[in-house]
Amino acid sequence: MSIKTRQELRDARHARIRKRVTGTADRPRLSVYRSLKHISAQLIDDTQGRTVAAAATTEAELSAKGTVEGAKLVGAKLAERAQAAGVKVVVFDRGGYRYHGQVAALANAAREGGLEF
């Protein structure tokens, strides 16, 4: 019996999600990544393989670290940058993380900032 690590289990969940979720130029993928200290999100056009907009708590102006408050700041800043890039509708990729806490806060802040998903 093989014991899988938390990372291996998350990678498997993420692979299952990514089979169905794909970003296009009209509707990019809002991808979320959480580390132990930070949270980041980016809008990705998978057809061209390019990032449309991104935000992370590693930026000086969003330095609230990996907390729910930091996730709200990242979601709001990402929505602002997406609006500037002309993006209004996205598809959400939670990255294998539970839709809870920081991930939910980031998504709700992005919605309040004007993104639709």
N, C-alpha and C. Protein backbone atom coordinates (compact mmCIF):
# COMPACT_ATOMS: atom_id res chain seq x y z
N MET A 1 0.83 -1.17 0.00
CA MET A 1 0.00 0.00 0.00
C MET A 1 0.89 1.25 0.00
N SER A 2 0.64 2.13 -0.96
CA SER A 2 1.46 3.33 -1.02
C SER A 2 0.71 4.49 -0.37
N ILE A 3 1.41 5.22 0.44
CA ILE A 3 0.83 6.38 1.11
C ILE A 3 1.19 7.62 0.29
N LYS A 4 0.18 8.38 -0.05
CA LYS A 4 0.40 9.57 -0.86
C LYS A 4 0.52 10.79 0.03
N THR A 5 1.37 11.70 -0.39
CA THR A 5 1.55 12.95 0.35
C THR A 5 0.40 13.90 0.03
N ARG A 6 0.29 14.95 0.82
CA ARG A 6 -0.75 15.96 0.57
C ARG A 6 -0.58 16.57 -0.81
N GLN A 7 0.67 16.80 -1.21
CA GLN A 7 0.95 17.41 -2.51
C GLN A 7 0.52 16.48 -3.64
N GLU A 8 0.78 15.19 -3.50
CA GLU A 8 0.37 14.23 -4.54
C GLU A 8 -1.16 14.17 -4.65
N LEU A 9 -1.85 14.23 -3.52
CA LEU A 9 -3.31 14.24 -3.55
C LEU A 9 -3.84 15.51 -4.19
N ARG A 10 -3.23 16.67 -3.88
CA ARG A 10 -3.65 17.93 -4.49
C ARG A 10 -3.40 17.91 -5.99
N ASP A 11 -2.24 17.37 -6.39
CA ASP A 11 -1.93 17.29 -7.82
C ASP A 11 -2.95 16.44 -8.56
N ALA A 12 -3.40 15.35 -7.94
CA ALA A 12 -4.41 14.49 -8.57
C ALA A 12 -5.74 15.23 -8.70
N ARG A 13 -6.14 15.96 -7.66
CA ARG A 13 -7.38 16.75 -7.74
C ARG A 13 -7.27 17.82 -8.81
N HIS A 14 -6.10 18.48 -8.87
CA HIS A 14 -5.90 19.53 -9.87
C HIS A 14 -5.96 18.95 -11.28
N ALA A 15 -5.40 17.79 -11.49
CA ALA A 15 -5.44 17.15 -12.81
C ALA A 15 -6.88 16.83 -13.21
N ARG A 16 -7.69 16.38 -12.26
CA ARG A 16 -9.10 16.09 -12.56
C ARG A 16 -9.84 17.36 -12.95
N ILE A 17 -9.54 18.45 -12.26
CA ILE A 17 -10.19 19.73 -12.56
C ILE A 17 -9.75 20.23 -13.93
N ARG A 18 -8.45 20.14 -14.22
CA ARG A 18 -7.90 20.67 -15.46
C ARG A 18 -8.35 19.90 -16.71
N LYS A 19 -8.84 18.67 -16.52
CA LYS A 19 -9.38 17.94 -17.67
C LYS A 19 -10.58 18.66 -18.25
N ARG A 20 -11.33 19.34 -17.39
CA ARG A 20 -12.56 20.00 -17.82
C ARG A 20 -12.43 21.51 -17.98
N VAL A 21 -11.49 22.13 -17.30
CA VAL A 21 -11.38 23.59 -17.26
C VAL A 21 -10.26 24.06 -18.18
N THR A 22 -10.62 24.88 -19.18
CA THR A 22 -9.63 25.41 -20.11
C THR A 22 -9.93 26.88 -20.36
N GLY A 23 -8.90 27.68 -20.41
CA GLY A 23 -9.06 29.10 -20.66
C GLY A 23 -8.90 29.44 -22.14
N THR A 24 -9.68 30.38 -22.61
CA THR A 24 -9.58 30.86 -23.98
C THR A 24 -9.33 32.37 -23.95
N ALA A 25 -9.18 32.96 -25.13
CA ALA A 25 -8.96 34.41 -25.19
C ALA A 25 -10.20 35.16 -24.69
N ASP A 26 -11.40 34.64 -25.02
CA ASP A 26 -12.64 35.29 -24.58
C ASP A 26 -12.92 35.04 -23.11
N ARG A 27 -12.53 33.86 -22.63
CA ARG A 27 -12.82 33.47 -21.24
C ARG A 27 -11.60 32.80 -20.63
N PRO A 28 -10.63 33.58 -20.13
CA PRO A 28 -9.41 32.99 -19.57
C PRO A 28 -9.68 32.24 -18.26
N ARG A 29 -8.72 31.42 -17.90
CA ARG A 29 -8.81 30.61 -16.68
C ARG A 29 -8.20 31.39 -15.53
N LEU A 30 -8.97 31.54 -14.44
CA LEU A 30 -8.48 32.19 -13.23
C LEU A 30 -7.88 31.08 -12.36
N SER A 31 -6.57 30.98 -12.37
CA SER A 31 -5.85 29.93 -11.66
C SER A 31 -5.34 30.45 -10.32
N VAL A 32 -5.58 29.67 -9.25
CA VAL A 32 -5.19 30.06 -7.90
C VAL A 32 -4.08 29.15 -7.41
N TYR A 33 -3.07 29.73 -6.76
CA TYR A 33 -2.00 28.95 -6.13
C TYR A 33 -1.79 29.45 -4.71
N ARG A 34 -1.76 28.53 -3.77
CA ARG A 34 -1.50 28.85 -2.37
C ARG A 34 -0.21 28.20 -1.93
N SER A 35 0.64 28.97 -1.28
CA SER A 35 1.79 28.38 -0.62
C SER A 35 1.55 28.53 0.88
N LEU A 36 2.51 28.16 1.69
CA LEU A 36 2.32 28.30 3.13
C LEU A 36 2.28 29.76 3.57
N LYS A 37 2.98 30.63 2.84
CA LYS A 37 3.04 32.04 3.23
C LYS A 37 2.26 32.99 2.33
N HIS A 38 2.01 32.61 1.08
CA HIS A 38 1.44 33.55 0.12
C HIS A 38 0.32 32.90 -0.69
N ILE A 39 -0.42 33.74 -1.41
CA ILE A 39 -1.43 33.28 -2.35
C ILE A 39 -1.28 34.11 -3.62
N SER A 40 -1.45 33.47 -4.77
CA SER A 40 -1.35 34.18 -6.03
C SER A 40 -2.43 33.68 -6.97
N ALA A 41 -2.77 34.52 -7.94
CA ALA A 41 -3.78 34.16 -8.93
C ALA A 41 -3.38 34.79 -10.26
N GLN A 42 -3.73 34.10 -11.33
CA GLN A 42 -3.45 34.66 -12.65
C GLN A 42 -4.53 34.25 -13.63
N LEU A 43 -4.74 35.08 -14.63
CA LEU A 43 -5.66 34.79 -15.72
C LEU A 43 -4.84 34.26 -16.88
N ILE A 44 -5.18 33.06 -17.35
CA ILE A 44 -4.37 32.38 -18.35
C ILE A 44 -5.20 32.07 -19.58
N ASP A 45 -4.68 32.42 -20.75
CA ASP A 45 -5.25 32.03 -22.03
C ASP A 45 -4.51 30.76 -22.46
N ASP A 46 -5.15 29.60 -22.28
CA ASP A 46 -4.48 28.33 -22.57
C ASP A 46 -4.27 28.09 -24.06
N THR A 47 -5.08 28.71 -24.92
CA THR A 47 -4.91 28.49 -26.36
C THR A 47 -3.61 29.10 -26.85
N GLN A 48 -3.22 30.25 -26.32
CA GLN A 48 -1.96 30.90 -26.70
C GLN A 48 -0.85 30.65 -25.69
N GLY A 49 -1.21 30.13 -24.52
CA GLY A 49 -0.21 29.87 -23.50
C GLY A 49 0.36 31.13 -22.89
N ARG A 50 -0.48 32.14 -22.67
CA ARG A 50 0.03 33.38 -22.10
C ARG A 50 -0.81 33.83 -20.92
N THR A 51 -0.18 34.56 -20.03
CA THR A 51 -0.85 35.11 -18.86
C THR A 51 -1.39 36.49 -19.21
N VAL A 52 -2.68 36.69 -18.98
CA VAL A 52 -3.33 37.96 -19.29
C VAL A 52 -3.13 38.96 -18.16
N ALA A 53 -3.31 38.50 -16.92
CA ALA A 53 -3.13 39.36 -15.74
C ALA A 53 -2.77 38.48 -14.55
N ALA A 54 -2.11 39.06 -13.57
CA ALA A 54 -1.71 38.30 -12.39
C ALA A 54 -1.63 39.22 -11.18
N ALA A 55 -1.77 38.61 -9.99
CA ALA A 55 -1.61 39.33 -8.73
C ALA A 55 -1.20 38.33 -7.67
N ALA A 56 -0.39 38.79 -6.70
CA ALA A 56 0.08 37.90 -5.64
C ALA A 56 0.41 38.71 -4.40
N THR A 57 0.40 38.05 -3.25
CA THR A 57 0.75 38.72 -2.00
C THR A 57 2.24 38.97 -1.90
N THR A 58 3.03 38.48 -2.84
CA THR A 58 4.47 38.77 -2.84
C THR A 58 4.75 40.18 -3.35
N GLU A 59 3.75 40.83 -3.96
CA GLU A 59 3.91 42.21 -4.42
C GLU A 59 3.89 43.15 -3.20
N ALA A 60 4.62 44.24 -3.29
CA ALA A 60 4.74 45.17 -2.17
C ALA A 60 3.40 45.75 -1.73
N GLU A 61 2.55 46.11 -2.69
CA GLU A 61 1.27 46.73 -2.34
C GLU A 61 0.24 45.75 -1.82
N LEU A 62 0.48 44.46 -2.00
CA LEU A 62 -0.45 43.42 -1.53
C LEU A 62 0.20 42.55 -0.46
N SER A 63 0.98 43.15 0.41
CA SER A 63 1.82 42.38 1.31
C SER A 63 1.12 41.90 2.58
N ALA A 64 -0.14 41.49 2.49
CA ALA A 64 -0.86 41.01 3.66
C ALA A 64 -0.58 39.54 3.94
N LYS A 65 0.36 38.97 3.22
CA LYS A 65 0.75 37.55 3.37
C LYS A 65 -0.41 36.63 3.01
N GLY A 66 -0.28 35.36 3.31
CA GLY A 66 -1.28 34.38 2.91
C GLY A 66 -2.42 34.26 3.90
N THR A 67 -3.15 35.34 4.08
CA THR A 67 -4.30 35.33 4.97
C THR A 67 -5.56 35.55 4.14
N VAL A 68 -6.70 35.45 4.78
CA VAL A 68 -7.96 35.72 4.08
C VAL A 68 -7.97 37.18 3.61
N GLU A 69 -7.47 38.08 4.43
CA GLU A 69 -7.40 39.49 4.02
C GLU A 69 -6.48 39.66 2.81
N GLY A 70 -5.37 38.97 2.80
CA GLY A 70 -4.46 39.02 1.66
C GLY A 70 -5.12 38.48 0.41
N ALA A 71 -5.89 37.41 0.56
CA ALA A 71 -6.60 36.82 -0.58
C ALA A 71 -7.63 37.79 -1.15
N LYS A 72 -8.30 38.53 -0.27
CA LYS A 72 -9.27 39.54 -0.74
C LYS A 72 -8.56 40.63 -1.54
N LEU A 73 -7.40 41.06 -1.05
CA LEU A 73 -6.64 42.09 -1.77
C LEU A 73 -6.21 41.58 -3.15
N VAL A 74 -5.75 40.32 -3.20
CA VAL A 74 -5.30 39.74 -4.47
C VAL A 74 -6.48 39.64 -5.44
N GLY A 75 -7.64 39.17 -4.96
CA GLY A 75 -8.82 39.05 -5.82
C GLY A 75 -9.26 40.39 -6.38
N ALA A 76 -9.26 41.42 -5.54
CA ALA A 76 -9.67 42.74 -5.99
C ALA A 76 -8.68 43.31 -7.00
N LYS A 77 -7.38 43.17 -6.73
CA LYS A 77 -6.35 43.68 -7.64
C LYS A 77 -6.38 42.93 -8.97
N LEU A 78 -6.60 41.61 -8.93
CA LEU A 78 -6.68 40.83 -10.16
C LEU A 78 -7.87 41.27 -10.99
N ALA A 79 -9.01 41.52 -10.35
CA ALA A 79 -10.20 41.97 -11.08
C ALA A 79 -9.94 43.33 -11.73
N GLU A 80 -9.25 44.20 -11.01
CA GLU A 80 -8.91 45.52 -11.55
C GLU A 80 -8.01 45.38 -12.78
N ARG A 81 -7.00 44.52 -12.69
CA ARG A 81 -6.08 44.31 -13.82
C ARG A 81 -6.77 43.61 -14.98
N ALA A 82 -7.72 42.73 -14.68
CA ALA A 82 -8.47 42.05 -15.74
C ALA A 82 -9.34 43.04 -16.49
N GLN A 83 -9.99 43.95 -15.76
CA GLN A 83 -10.82 44.97 -16.40
C GLN A 83 -9.97 45.84 -17.33
N ALA A 84 -8.75 46.16 -16.89
CA ALA A 84 -7.85 46.96 -17.71
C ALA A 84 -7.44 46.21 -18.97
N ALA A 85 -7.36 44.87 -18.88
CA ALA A 85 -6.99 44.05 -20.04
C ALA A 85 -8.20 43.71 -20.91
N GLY A 86 -9.39 44.15 -20.49
CA GLY A 86 -10.60 43.91 -21.27
C GLY A 86 -11.26 42.56 -21.02
N VAL A 87 -10.99 41.96 -19.87
CA VAL A 87 -11.57 40.66 -19.53
C VAL A 87 -12.68 40.87 -18.52
N LYS A 88 -13.86 40.27 -18.80
CA LYS A 88 -14.98 40.37 -17.87
C LYS A 88 -15.46 39.01 -17.40
N VAL A 89 -15.32 37.99 -18.26
CA VAL A 89 -15.81 36.65 -17.93
C VAL A 89 -14.62 35.70 -17.87
N VAL A 90 -14.55 34.90 -16.79
CA VAL A 90 -13.46 33.95 -16.60
C VAL A 90 -14.03 32.59 -16.20
N VAL A 91 -13.19 31.58 -16.25
CA VAL A 91 -13.54 30.26 -15.72
C VAL A 91 -12.61 30.03 -14.53
N PHE A 92 -13.16 29.56 -13.41
CA PHE A 92 -12.42 29.47 -12.16
C PHE A 92 -11.73 28.11 -12.03
N ASP A 93 -10.44 28.14 -11.73
CA ASP A 93 -9.64 26.93 -11.49
C ASP A 93 -9.08 27.04 -10.08
N ARG A 94 -9.67 26.27 -9.16
CA ARG A 94 -9.27 26.38 -7.75
C ARG A 94 -7.97 25.66 -7.46
N GLY A 95 -7.38 25.01 -8.43
CA GLY A 95 -6.06 24.43 -8.29
C GLY A 95 -5.97 23.22 -7.38
N GLY A 96 -7.07 22.52 -7.15
CA GLY A 96 -7.05 21.36 -6.28
C GLY A 96 -7.24 21.70 -4.82
N TYR A 97 -7.38 22.99 -4.50
CA TYR A 97 -7.63 23.42 -3.13
C TYR A 97 -9.13 23.44 -2.86
N ARG A 98 -9.53 23.26 -1.60
CA ARG A 98 -10.94 23.34 -1.26
C ARG A 98 -11.43 24.76 -1.47
N TYR A 99 -12.67 24.90 -1.92
CA TYR A 99 -13.27 26.23 -2.09
C TYR A 99 -13.72 26.69 -0.71
N HIS A 100 -12.75 27.21 0.05
CA HIS A 100 -12.98 27.53 1.45
C HIS A 100 -11.88 28.49 1.88
N GLY A 101 -12.16 29.37 2.81
CA GLY A 101 -11.13 30.24 3.36
C GLY A 101 -10.54 31.19 2.34
N GLN A 102 -9.23 31.08 2.13
CA GLN A 102 -8.51 32.00 1.25
C GLN A 102 -8.99 31.90 -0.20
N VAL A 103 -9.23 30.69 -0.68
CA VAL A 103 -9.65 30.49 -2.08
C VAL A 103 -11.02 31.12 -2.30
N ALA A 104 -11.94 30.90 -1.38
CA ALA A 104 -13.28 31.48 -1.49
C ALA A 104 -13.23 33.00 -1.37
N ALA A 105 -12.38 33.51 -0.47
CA ALA A 105 -12.25 34.96 -0.30
C ALA A 105 -11.72 35.61 -1.58
N LEU A 106 -10.72 34.99 -2.20
CA LEU A 106 -10.16 35.50 -3.44
C LEU A 106 -11.24 35.52 -4.53
N ALA A 107 -12.00 34.43 -4.65
CA ALA A 107 -13.05 34.34 -5.67
C ALA A 107 -14.13 35.39 -5.44
N ASN A 108 -14.57 35.55 -4.21
CA ASN A 108 -15.61 36.52 -3.92
C ASN A 108 -15.14 37.96 -4.17
N ALA A 109 -13.90 38.26 -3.83
CA ALA A 109 -13.36 39.59 -4.09
C ALA A 109 -13.25 39.85 -5.59
N ALA A 110 -12.89 38.83 -6.36
CA ALA A 110 -12.81 38.98 -7.81
C ALA A 110 -14.19 39.23 -8.40
N ARG A 111 -15.20 38.54 -7.86
CA ARG A 111 -16.58 38.76 -8.32
C ARG A 111 -17.02 40.19 -7.99
N GLU A 112 -16.73 40.63 -6.78
CA GLU A 112 -17.11 41.99 -6.38
C GLU A 112 -16.37 43.04 -7.21
N GLY A 113 -15.18 42.68 -7.71
CA GLY A 113 -14.42 43.59 -8.56
C GLY A 113 -14.90 43.65 -9.98
N GLY A 114 -15.87 42.81 -10.34
CA GLY A 114 -16.46 42.88 -11.68
C GLY A 114 -16.27 41.67 -12.56
N LEU A 115 -15.54 40.65 -12.10
CA LEU A 115 -15.37 39.45 -12.91
C LEU A 115 -16.59 38.54 -12.77
N GLU A 116 -16.95 37.87 -13.86
CA GLU A 116 -18.09 36.94 -13.85
C GLU A 116 -17.58 35.52 -14.03
N PHE A 117 -18.01 34.63 -13.14
CA PHE A 117 -17.74 33.20 -13.28
C PHE A 117 -18.67 32.41 -12.41
